[in-house]
C-alpha atoms as a PDB file:
ATOM      1  CA  MET A   1     -94.199 -64.392 -54.664  1.00  0.00           C
ATOM      2  CA  LEU A   2     -96.060 -64.259 -51.229  1.00  0.00           C
ATOM      3  CA  MET A   3     -95.587 -60.738 -49.337  1.00  0.00           C
ATOM      4  CA  PRO A   4     -94.807 -61.586 -45.599  1.00  0.00           C
ATOM      5  CA  LEU A   5     -97.753 -61.115 -43.232  1.00  0.00           C
ATOM      6  CA  LEU A   6     -97.350 -58.117 -41.515  1.00  0.00           C
ATOM      7  CA  PRO A   7     -98.439 -58.429 -37.730  1.00  0.00           C
ATOM      8  CA  LEU A   8    -101.959 -56.969 -37.273  1.00  0.00           C
ATOM      9  CA  LEU A   9    -101.300 -56.336 -33.767  1.00  0.00           C
ATOM     10  CA  ARG A  10     -98.258 -54.049 -32.315  1.00  0.00           C
ATOM     11  CA  PHE A  11     -96.940 -54.063 -28.628  1.00  0.00           C
ATOM     12  CA  VAL A  12     -97.855 -50.847 -27.065  1.00  0.00           C
ATOM     13  CA  ASP A  13     -95.448 -49.831 -24.316  1.00  0.00           C
ATOM     14  CA  ARG A  14     -96.374 -46.186 -23.880  1.00  0.00           C
ATOM     15  CA  ALA A  15     -99.562 -44.389 -24.109  1.00  0.00           C
ATOM     16  CA  ARG A  16    -100.511 -40.714 -23.277  1.00  0.00           C
ATOM     17  CA  VAL A  17    -104.229 -40.290 -22.504  1.00  0.00           C
ATOM     18  CA  ARG A  18    -106.154 -37.305 -21.305  1.00  0.00           C
ATOM     19  CA  VAL A  19    -108.644 -37.903 -18.604  1.00  0.00           C
ATOM     20  CA  GLU A  20    -111.362 -35.619 -17.412  1.00  0.00           C
ATOM     21  CA  GLY A  21    -113.635 -35.795 -14.615  1.00  0.00           C
ATOM     22  CA  GLY A  22    -117.465 -34.997 -14.854  1.00  0.00           C
ATOM     23  CA  CYS A  23    -118.854 -31.588 -14.057  1.00  0.00           C
ATOM     24  CA  GLY A  24    -121.203 -31.474 -10.926  1.00  0.00           C
ATOM     25  CA  GLY A  25    -124.694 -30.783 -11.551  1.00  0.00           C
ATOM     26  CA  ASP A  26    -126.503 -27.192 -10.681  1.00  0.00           C
ATOM     27  CA  GLY A  27    -128.519 -26.934  -8.159  1.00  0.00           C
ATOM     28  CA  CYS A  28    -132.201 -25.799  -8.134  1.00  0.00           C
ATOM     29  CA  VAL A  29    -134.089 -22.775  -7.165  1.00  0.00           C
ATOM     30  CA  SER A  30    -137.456 -23.570  -6.473  1.00  0.00           C
ATOM     31  CA  PHE A  31    -140.340 -22.640  -3.987  1.00  0.00           C
ATOM     32  CA  GLN A  32    -143.446 -24.368  -2.615  1.00  0.00           C
ATOM     33  CA  ASN A  33    -146.269 -22.037  -2.858  1.00  0.00           C
ATOM     34  CA  PHE A  34    -149.120 -22.263   0.015  1.00  0.00           C
ATOM     35  CA  GLY A  35    -152.325 -20.723  -0.902  1.00  0.00           C
ATOM     36  CA  ASN A  36    -152.253 -17.875   1.663  1.00  0.00           C
ATOM     37  CA  GLY A  37    -148.927 -16.157  -0.046  1.00  0.00           C
ATOM     38  CA  ARG A  38    -146.409 -18.038   1.900  1.00  0.00           C
ATOM     39  CA  LYS A  39    -143.561 -19.727   0.139  1.00  0.00           C
ATOM     40  CA  ILE A  40    -140.950 -21.905   1.205  1.00  0.00           C
ATOM     41  CA  PRO A  41    -137.727 -22.885  -0.806  1.00  0.00           C
ATOM     42  CA  ASN A  42    -137.477 -26.469  -1.663  1.00  0.00           C
ATOM     43  CA  GLY A  43    -134.627 -26.792  -4.389  1.00  0.00           C
ATOM     44  CA  GLY A  44    -132.727 -29.916  -4.734  1.00  0.00           C
ATOM     45  CA  ASN A  45    -128.768 -30.245  -4.753  1.00  0.00           C
ATOM     46  CA  GLY A  46    -126.931 -31.122  -8.016  1.00  0.00           C
ATOM     47  CA  GLY A  47    -125.234 -34.506  -8.399  1.00  0.00           C
ATOM     48  CA  GLN A  48    -121.597 -34.978  -8.188  1.00  0.00           C
ATOM     49  CA  GLY A  49    -119.602 -35.675 -11.444  1.00  0.00           C
ATOM     50  CA  GLY A  50    -118.218 -38.918 -12.274  1.00  0.00           C
ATOM     51  CA  ASP A  51    -114.432 -40.081 -11.508  1.00  0.00           C
ATOM     52  CA  VAL A  52    -111.975 -41.729 -13.962  1.00  0.00           C
ATOM     53  CA  PHE A  53    -110.155 -44.638 -12.573  1.00  0.00           C
ATOM     54  CA  LEU A  54    -106.990 -46.751 -13.832  1.00  0.00           C
ATOM     55  CA  VAL A  55    -107.292 -50.084 -12.740  1.00  0.00           C
ATOM     56  CA  ALA A  56    -104.647 -52.918 -13.289  1.00  0.00           C
ATOM     57  CA  ASP A  57    -105.834 -56.045 -14.913  1.00  0.00           C
ATOM     58  CA  LYS A  58    -103.905 -59.304 -15.597  1.00  0.00           C
ATOM     59  CA  ALA A  59    -105.822 -60.213 -18.692  1.00  0.00           C
ATOM     60  CA  THR A  60    -104.581 -56.977 -20.364  1.00  0.00           C
ATOM     61  CA  PHE A  61    -101.118 -57.250 -21.856  1.00  0.00           C
ATOM     62  CA  ASP A  62    -100.701 -53.773 -23.562  1.00  0.00           C
ATOM     63  CA  LEU A  63    -101.421 -50.138 -23.637  1.00  0.00           C
ATOM     64  CA  SER A  64    -103.514 -50.319 -26.964  1.00  0.00           C
ATOM     65  CA  LEU A  65    -106.514 -48.353 -26.015  1.00  0.00           C
ATOM     66  CA  ALA A  66    -109.455 -47.711 -28.476  1.00  0.00           C
ATOM     67  CA  LYS A  67    -109.352 -44.221 -27.664  1.00  0.00           C
ATOM     68  CA  ARG A  68    -107.032 -41.516 -25.744  1.00  0.00           C
ATOM     69  CA  HIS A  69    -109.584 -39.106 -24.343  1.00  0.00           C
ATOM     70  CA  PHE A  70    -111.718 -40.315 -21.423  1.00  0.00           C
ATOM     71  CA  LYS A  71    -114.305 -38.329 -19.746  1.00  0.00           C
ATOM     72  CA  ALA A  72    -116.600 -39.220 -17.005  1.00  0.00           C
ATOM     73  CA  GLU A  73    -120.330 -38.238 -17.151  1.00  0.00           C
ATOM     74  CA  ASN A  74    -121.538 -35.210 -15.729  1.00  0.00           C
ATOM     75  CA  GLY A  75    -123.806 -34.964 -12.602  1.00  0.00           C
ATOM     76  CA  GLY A  76    -127.535 -34.140 -13.061  1.00  0.00           C
ATOM     77  CA  ASN A  77    -129.185 -31.080 -12.176  1.00  0.00           C
ATOM     78  CA  GLY A  78    -131.162 -30.783  -9.081  1.00  0.00           C
ATOM     79  CA  GLY A  79    -135.130 -30.532  -9.030  1.00  0.00           C
ATOM     80  CA  SER A  80    -138.074 -29.125  -7.262  1.00  0.00           C
ATOM     81  CA  SER A  81    -139.536 -30.957  -4.170  1.00  0.00           C
ATOM     82  CA  GLN A  82    -135.977 -31.419  -2.597  1.00  0.00           C
ATOM     83  CA  MET A  83    -134.756 -33.856  -5.423  1.00  0.00           C
ATOM     84  CA  ALA A  84    -131.204 -34.295  -5.604  1.00  0.00           C
ATOM     85  CA  GLY A  85    -129.585 -34.592  -9.138  1.00  0.00           C
ATOM     86  CA  LYS A  86    -128.202 -38.073 -10.237  1.00  0.00           C
ATOM     87  CA  GLY A  87    -124.373 -38.554  -9.556  1.00  0.00           C
ATOM     88  CA  GLY A  88    -122.116 -39.162 -12.634  1.00  0.00           C
ATOM     89  CA  ARG A  89    -121.009 -42.688 -13.729  1.00  0.00           C
ATOM     90  CA  PRO A  90    -117.557 -43.240 -13.300  1.00  0.00           C
ATOM     91  CA  VAL A  91    -115.035 -44.318 -16.142  1.00  0.00           C
ATOM     92  CA  VAL A  92    -112.661 -47.308 -15.642  1.00  0.00           C
ATOM     93  CA  ILE A  93    -109.767 -47.753 -17.797  1.00  0.00           C
ATOM     94  CA  LYS A  94    -107.922 -51.252 -17.807  1.00  0.00           C
ATOM     95  CA  VAL A  95    -104.271 -51.261 -18.101  1.00  0.00           C
ATOM     96  CA  PRO A  96    -101.726 -54.030 -17.576  1.00  0.00           C
ATOM     97  CA  LEU A  97     -99.893 -54.902 -14.541  1.00  0.00           C
ATOM     98  CA  GLY A  98     -96.628 -52.862 -13.952  1.00  0.00           C
ATOM     99  CA  THR A  99     -98.090 -49.663 -15.446  1.00  0.00           C
ATOM    100  CA  VAL A 100     -96.149 -46.435 -14.058  1.00  0.00           C
ATOM    101  CA  VAL A 101     -98.987 -43.671 -14.071  1.00  0.00           C
ATOM    102  CA  LYS A 102     -97.291 -40.240 -14.521  1.00  0.00           C
ATOM    103  CA  ARG A 103     -98.898 -36.913 -14.383  1.00  0.00           C
ATOM    104  CA  VAL A 104     -97.759 -33.904 -16.675  1.00  0.00           C
ATOM    105  CA  VAL A 105     -97.109 -30.609 -14.798  1.00  0.00           C
ATOM    106  CA  LEU A 106     -96.660 -27.557 -17.044  1.00  0.00           C
ATOM    107  CA  ARG A 107     -94.511 -24.945 -15.660  1.00  0.00           C
ATOM    108  CA  HIS A 108     -93.957 -21.432 -16.998  1.00  0.00           C
ATOM    109  CA  ASN A 109     -90.392 -20.745 -18.009  1.00  0.00           C
ATOM    110  CA  TYR A 110     -88.626 -17.482 -18.909  1.00  0.00           C
ATOM    111  CA  PHE A 111     -89.177 -17.485 -22.290  1.00  0.00           C
ATOM    112  CA  GLY A 112     -93.063 -17.067 -22.014  1.00  0.00           C
ATOM    113  CA  ASP A 113     -93.463 -20.767 -22.826  1.00  0.00           C
ATOM    114  CA  TYR A 114     -94.172 -23.888 -20.821  1.00  0.00           C
ATOM    115  CA  ASP A 115     -91.829 -26.833 -19.774  1.00  0.00           C
ATOM    116  CA  ARG A 116     -93.184 -30.257 -19.333  1.00  0.00           C
ATOM    117  CA  ASP A 117     -92.354 -31.992 -16.154  1.00  0.00           C
ATOM    118  CA  TYR A 118     -93.420 -35.776 -15.329  1.00  0.00           C
ATOM    119  CA  VAL A 119     -94.357 -36.836 -11.805  1.00  0.00           C
ATOM    120  CA  ASP A 120     -94.751 -40.278 -10.765  1.00  0.00           C
ATOM    121  CA  GLU A 121     -98.242 -40.783  -9.154  1.00  0.00           C
ATOM    122  CA  ARG A 122     -98.757 -44.398  -8.867  1.00  0.00           C
ATOM    123  CA  ASP A 123     -97.120 -48.100  -9.943  1.00  0.00           C
ATOM    124  CA  LEU A 124     -99.882 -50.473 -10.486  1.00  0.00           C
ATOM    125  CA  ASP A 125     -98.123 -53.740  -9.902  1.00  0.00           C
ATOM    126  CA  THR A 126    -100.727 -55.898  -8.392  1.00  0.00           C
ATOM    127  CA  HIS A 127    -103.988 -57.317  -9.738  1.00  0.00           C
ATOM    128  CA  LEU A 128    -107.142 -54.747  -9.482  1.00  0.00           C
ATOM    129  CA  ALA A 129    -104.912 -52.022  -8.123  1.00  0.00           C
ATOM    130  CA  ALA A 130    -106.715 -48.772  -8.881  1.00  0.00           C
ATOM    131  CA  THR A 131    -105.890 -45.103  -8.603  1.00  0.00           C
ATOM    132  CA  CYS A 132    -108.123 -42.272  -9.239  1.00  0.00           C
ATOM    133  CA  VAL A 133    -106.612 -40.052 -12.252  1.00  0.00           C
ATOM    134  CA  ALA A 134    -109.561 -37.466 -12.352  1.00  0.00           C
ATOM    135  CA  ARG A 135    -112.154 -36.251  -9.770  1.00  0.00           C
ATOM    136  CA  GLY A 136    -115.467 -35.362 -10.638  1.00  0.00           C
ATOM    137  CA  GLY A 137    -116.859 -31.979  -9.481  1.00  0.00           C
ATOM    138  CA  ARG A 138    -119.144 -31.289  -6.582  1.00  0.00           C
ATOM    139  CA  GLY A 139    -122.898 -30.729  -7.250  1.00  0.00           C
ATOM    140  CA  GLY A 140    -124.435 -27.050  -6.783  1.00  0.00           C
ATOM    141  CA  ILE A 141    -126.336 -26.388  -3.639  1.00  0.00           C
ATOM    142  CA  GLY A 142    -130.161 -25.958  -4.023  1.00  0.00           C
ATOM    143  CA  ASN A 143    -132.034 -23.525  -2.210  1.00  0.00           C
ATOM    144  CA  ASP A 144    -133.599 -26.003   0.234  1.00  0.00           C
ATOM    145  CA  VAL A 145    -130.752 -25.260   2.587  1.00  0.00           C
ATOM    146  CA  GLU A 146    -131.747 -21.876   3.108  1.00  0.00           C
ATOM    147  CA  ALA A 147    -135.281 -22.956   4.239  1.00  0.00           C
ATOM    148  CA  SER A 148    -134.718 -22.245   7.942  1.00  0.00           C
ATOM    149  CA  GLY A 149    -134.742 -18.479   9.026  1.00  0.00           C
ATOM    150  CA  ARG A 150    -134.923 -17.034   5.442  1.00  0.00           C
ATOM    151  CA  ARG A 151    -138.633 -17.295   5.016  1.00  0.00           C
ATOM    152  CA  GLY A 152    -138.185 -17.733   1.241  1.00  0.00           C
ATOM    153  CA  ARG A 153    -136.312 -14.589   0.414  1.00  0.00           C
ATOM    154  CA  SER A 154    -133.153 -15.935  -1.200  1.00  0.00           C
ATOM    155  CA  LEU A 155    -133.434 -16.093  -5.168  1.00  0.00           C
ATOM    156  CA  ARG A 156    -129.748 -16.651  -6.138  1.00  0.00           C
ATOM    157  CA  VAL A 157    -128.863 -19.251  -8.215  1.00  0.00           C
ATOM    158  CA  HIS A 158    -126.368 -21.823  -6.985  1.00  0.00           C
ATOM    159  CA  LYS A 159    -124.117 -23.100  -9.655  1.00  0.00           C
ATOM    160  CA  SER A 160    -121.691 -26.015  -9.298  1.00  0.00           C
ATOM    161  CA  PRO A 161    -118.275 -24.941  -7.999  1.00  0.00           C
END
């Protein structure tokens, strides 16, 4: 007796994914030292974090994604000699045509718990229609921006916001 063959692929109509943009890199605090005791700030800015995009593709037929959590690359830290950090690489998720993107909004209720509300963001109904679902963070500021008028007196560290 032969067992009926089970279908190896299932059509997935709904998917809940978690997306996260990359963090921005930190700015650098660095000083160029001259021989006569004079120093000027020359720290570079941090790079911007990567974004997460959803792109409609006519070659994709269902929402069976390999993973459910997508995180973009973080930005690089700034360096000395006014070197800016590297920007984070974005993540592109291919979805089928006609995909409706919804955002989950958590609202505080009277019972001390949270209620979920779904807000329509975008309808991806044409080929290569794209929407950004998570933005990357800004890079931190290096101390090179304080080079004029401060004469190298600033020592505070600039973190990415």
